[in-house]
Amino acid sequence: MTRRCAGIAIPLLTSLLMGCVERRFRVESNPPGAYVYVNNVPHGPTPVDIPFLYYGEYEIKLVKDGYETLKVKQNVSTPWYQYPIVDFFSESVWPWQITDVRPFQYELQPILQPNLEVLKAEAEELRAKGKELAKPRYPDPPEGKPTDKPGPKEPGKPTEALPPPRETPAENRTSR
């Protein structure tokens, strides 16, 4: 009886002692309160902790009213204890939890309002340059005559018909 209990208790205790790795990154911004998207998935306003499953590259986007939207490709490098073979021991055999927190700090730039007087002056300058351009090479079509449909070149002679549209190849068609 005691052997049976020991046979059950030892694997149970061993499973309780197994550790794991908690992975997350903390996104902060200056000013705080920017809304965070990681790989186009919303996660809330900064500061925010975001759990992740894999090491590699993440696309982080921060959006805040009155500030330019910031898009960053952030690389999260793999620590030594997550390399193959070693990761088996760090996730299964090591009896304590390993916490991997990566802090990322981003500075948002305020939106610059354009000087309307300068913008208007540039527009007037471009308008003046446009008036100095040469006339178009081809004259405008005469008024009163339709130009969207070709008519017969000579009365009584039919115009050339357009060829029928080509069929798309079978591999490009989408079947429903």
Protein backbone atom coordinates (compact mmCIF):
# COMPACT_ATOMS: atom_id res chain seq x y z
CA MET A 1 0.00 0.00 0.00
CA THR A 2 2.78 2.43 0.91
CA ARG A 3 4.63 1.60 -2.30
CA ARG A 4 1.54 2.43 -4.31
CA CYS A 5 1.10 5.75 -2.47
CA ALA A 6 4.79 6.53 -2.96
CA GLY A 7 4.44 5.64 -6.67
CA ILE A 8 1.64 8.18 -6.97
CA ALA A 9 3.08 10.83 -4.64
CA ILE A 10 6.54 11.05 -6.23
CA PRO A 11 5.32 11.93 -9.77
CA LEU A 12 2.73 14.28 -8.29
CA LEU A 13 5.35 16.11 -6.20
CA THR A 14 7.74 16.18 -9.15
CA SER A 15 5.08 17.79 -11.35
CA LEU A 16 4.45 20.41 -8.68
CA LEU A 17 8.15 21.25 -8.54
CA MET A 18 8.48 21.79 -12.29
CA GLY A 19 9.05 25.37 -13.22
CA CYS A 20 8.10 27.40 -16.21
CA VAL A 21 9.16 30.53 -18.05
CA GLU A 22 6.91 33.59 -18.00
CA ARG A 23 7.60 35.86 -20.99
CA ARG A 24 6.26 39.40 -21.26
CA PHE A 25 7.30 42.82 -22.35
CA ARG A 26 6.32 46.12 -20.82
CA VAL A 27 5.57 48.95 -23.23
CA GLU A 28 5.85 52.48 -21.87
CA SER A 29 5.60 55.79 -23.69
CA ASN A 30 6.29 59.42 -23.05
CA PRO A 31 3.64 60.82 -22.73
CA PRO A 32 1.78 57.89 -21.15
CA GLY A 33 -1.65 56.83 -22.36
CA ALA A 34 -0.76 55.94 -25.96
CA TYR A 35 -2.79 53.00 -27.24
CA VAL A 36 -0.59 49.97 -28.01
CA TYR A 37 -1.02 47.51 -30.88
CA VAL A 38 1.30 44.48 -31.13
CA ASN A 39 1.15 42.76 -34.52
CA ASN A 40 -2.11 44.71 -35.15
CA VAL A 41 -3.74 43.34 -31.98
CA PRO A 42 -4.87 46.05 -29.51
CA HIS A 43 -3.54 45.75 -25.94
CA GLY A 44 -4.60 48.98 -24.23
CA PRO A 45 -2.98 52.25 -23.16
CA THR A 46 0.59 52.55 -21.92
CA PRO A 47 2.07 51.45 -19.59
CA VAL A 48 0.99 47.89 -20.41
CA ASP A 49 2.43 44.39 -19.83
CA ILE A 50 1.99 42.04 -22.78
CA PRO A 51 2.68 38.31 -22.54
CA PHE A 52 4.36 36.71 -25.55
CA LEU A 53 5.00 33.13 -26.67
CA TYR A 54 8.03 33.34 -28.93
CA TYR A 55 11.22 35.33 -29.27
CA GLY A 56 11.73 37.24 -32.48
CA GLU A 57 10.43 40.36 -34.17
CA TYR A 58 7.22 42.13 -33.17
CA GLU A 59 5.55 45.12 -34.82
CA ILE A 60 4.58 47.62 -32.14
CA LYS A 61 2.35 50.60 -32.97
CA LEU A 62 1.58 53.43 -30.54
CA VAL A 63 -1.32 55.83 -31.24
CA LYS A 64 -2.22 58.95 -29.25
CA ASP A 65 -4.27 62.03 -30.18
CA GLY A 66 -2.08 65.05 -30.87
CA TYR A 67 1.02 62.88 -31.49
CA GLU A 68 2.45 61.16 -34.54
CA THR A 69 1.69 57.44 -34.77
CA LEU A 70 4.84 55.46 -34.02
CA LYS A 71 5.47 52.11 -35.73
CA VAL A 72 8.46 50.09 -34.56
CA LYS A 73 9.76 46.64 -35.48
CA GLN A 74 11.05 45.49 -32.11
CA ASN A 75 13.35 42.49 -31.86
CA VAL A 76 13.07 40.35 -28.72
CA SER A 77 16.27 38.32 -28.51
CA THR A 78 16.38 34.79 -27.12
CA PRO A 79 18.10 34.38 -23.73
CA TRP A 80 20.60 31.57 -23.19
CA TYR A 81 18.19 29.44 -21.15
CA GLN A 82 15.75 29.24 -24.08
CA TYR A 83 18.14 27.65 -26.58
CA PRO A 84 17.31 24.08 -27.66
CA ILE A 85 18.15 21.36 -25.13
CA VAL A 86 18.77 23.93 -22.36
CA ASP A 87 15.14 25.08 -22.66
CA PHE A 88 13.93 21.59 -21.71
CA PHE A 89 15.65 21.93 -18.34
CA SER A 90 14.60 25.56 -17.78
CA GLU A 91 10.95 24.84 -18.54
CA SER A 92 10.52 21.29 -17.25
CA VAL A 93 13.16 20.37 -14.71
CA TRP A 94 14.07 23.66 -13.00
CA PRO A 95 11.81 23.79 -9.93
CA TRP A 96 11.25 27.57 -9.88
CA GLN A 97 9.55 29.95 -12.26
CA ILE A 98 11.76 32.07 -14.53
CA THR A 99 10.32 35.49 -15.38
CA ASP A 100 11.60 37.23 -18.50
CA VAL A 101 10.37 40.86 -18.63
CA ARG A 102 11.56 43.11 -21.47
CA PRO A 103 10.95 46.84 -20.91
CA PHE A 104 10.46 48.99 -24.02
CA GLN A 105 10.33 52.79 -23.72
CA TYR A 106 9.17 54.94 -26.66
CA GLU A 107 9.14 58.71 -27.12
CA LEU A 108 6.16 60.10 -29.07
CA GLN A 109 6.60 63.24 -31.18
CA PRO A 110 3.85 65.88 -31.20
CA ILE A 111 2.13 66.57 -34.51
CA LEU A 112 3.53 69.70 -36.08
CA GLN A 113 0.82 72.07 -37.29
CA PRO A 114 1.72 73.57 -40.67
CA ASN A 115 2.11 77.34 -40.97
CA LEU A 116 -0.96 78.18 -43.05
CA GLU A 117 0.51 81.41 -44.45
CA VAL A 118 3.59 79.60 -45.78
CA LEU A 119 1.43 76.81 -47.16
CA LYS A 120 -0.82 79.31 -48.95
CA ALA A 121 2.22 81.14 -50.42
CA GLU A 122 3.63 77.84 -51.74
CA ALA A 123 0.26 77.01 -53.32
CA GLU A 124 0.11 80.39 -55.06
CA GLU A 125 3.66 79.90 -56.36
CA LEU A 126 2.75 76.50 -57.82
CA ARG A 127 -0.41 77.94 -59.36
CA ALA A 128 1.65 80.68 -61.06
CA LYS A 129 4.13 78.08 -62.40
CA GLY A 130 1.20 76.05 -63.75
CA LYS A 131 -0.08 79.03 -65.73
CA GLU A 132 3.34 79.43 -67.35
CA LEU A 133 3.33 75.89 -68.74
CA ALA A 134 2.97 75.33 -72.48
CA LYS A 135 -0.38 74.44 -74.00
CA PRO A 136 -1.26 70.72 -74.13
CA ARG A 137 0.19 68.81 -77.04
CA TYR A 138 -3.17 67.48 -78.22
CA PRO A 139 -6.08 69.84 -78.74
CA ASP A 140 -9.30 69.48 -76.81
CA PRO A 141 -11.98 67.40 -78.60
CA PRO A 142 -14.55 69.43 -80.50
CA GLU A 143 -17.66 70.20 -78.50
CA GLY A 144 -20.88 68.38 -79.29
CA LYS A 145 -19.21 65.21 -80.61
CA PRO A 146 -19.07 62.08 -78.47
CA THR A 147 -15.54 60.80 -77.93
CA ASP A 148 -16.17 57.77 -75.75
CA LYS A 149 -17.60 55.56 -78.55
CA PRO A 150 -15.79 55.08 -81.84
CA GLY A 151 -18.08 55.70 -84.80
CA PRO A 152 -17.74 54.59 -88.41
CA LYS A 153 -14.81 56.15 -90.25
CA GLU A 154 -16.83 56.47 -93.40
CA PRO A 155 -20.57 56.24 -93.69
CA GLY A 156 -21.64 52.70 -94.44
CA LYS A 157 -18.41 51.01 -93.27
CA PRO A 158 -18.45 49.25 -89.89
CA THR A 159 -15.79 50.01 -87.34
CA GLU A 160 -13.32 47.40 -86.15
CA ALA A 161 -14.75 45.33 -83.34
CA LEU A 162 -12.72 44.74 -80.23
CA PRO A 163 -11.64 41.16 -79.61
CA PRO A 164 -13.57 39.27 -76.93
CA PRO A 165 -12.05 39.29 -73.43
CA ARG A 166 -9.58 36.51 -72.67
CA GLU A 167 -10.46 33.85 -70.13
CA THR A 168 -8.42 33.78 -66.95
CA PRO A 169 -6.26 30.69 -66.38
CA ALA A 170 -7.84 28.03 -64.17
CA GLU A 171 -5.19 28.34 -61.44
CA ASN A 172 -5.99 32.05 -60.96
CA ARG A 173 -9.72 31.51 -60.51
CA THR A 174 -11.11 31.28 -57.05
CA SER A 175 -13.66 28.56 -56.51
CA ARG A 176 -16.41 28.94 -53.98
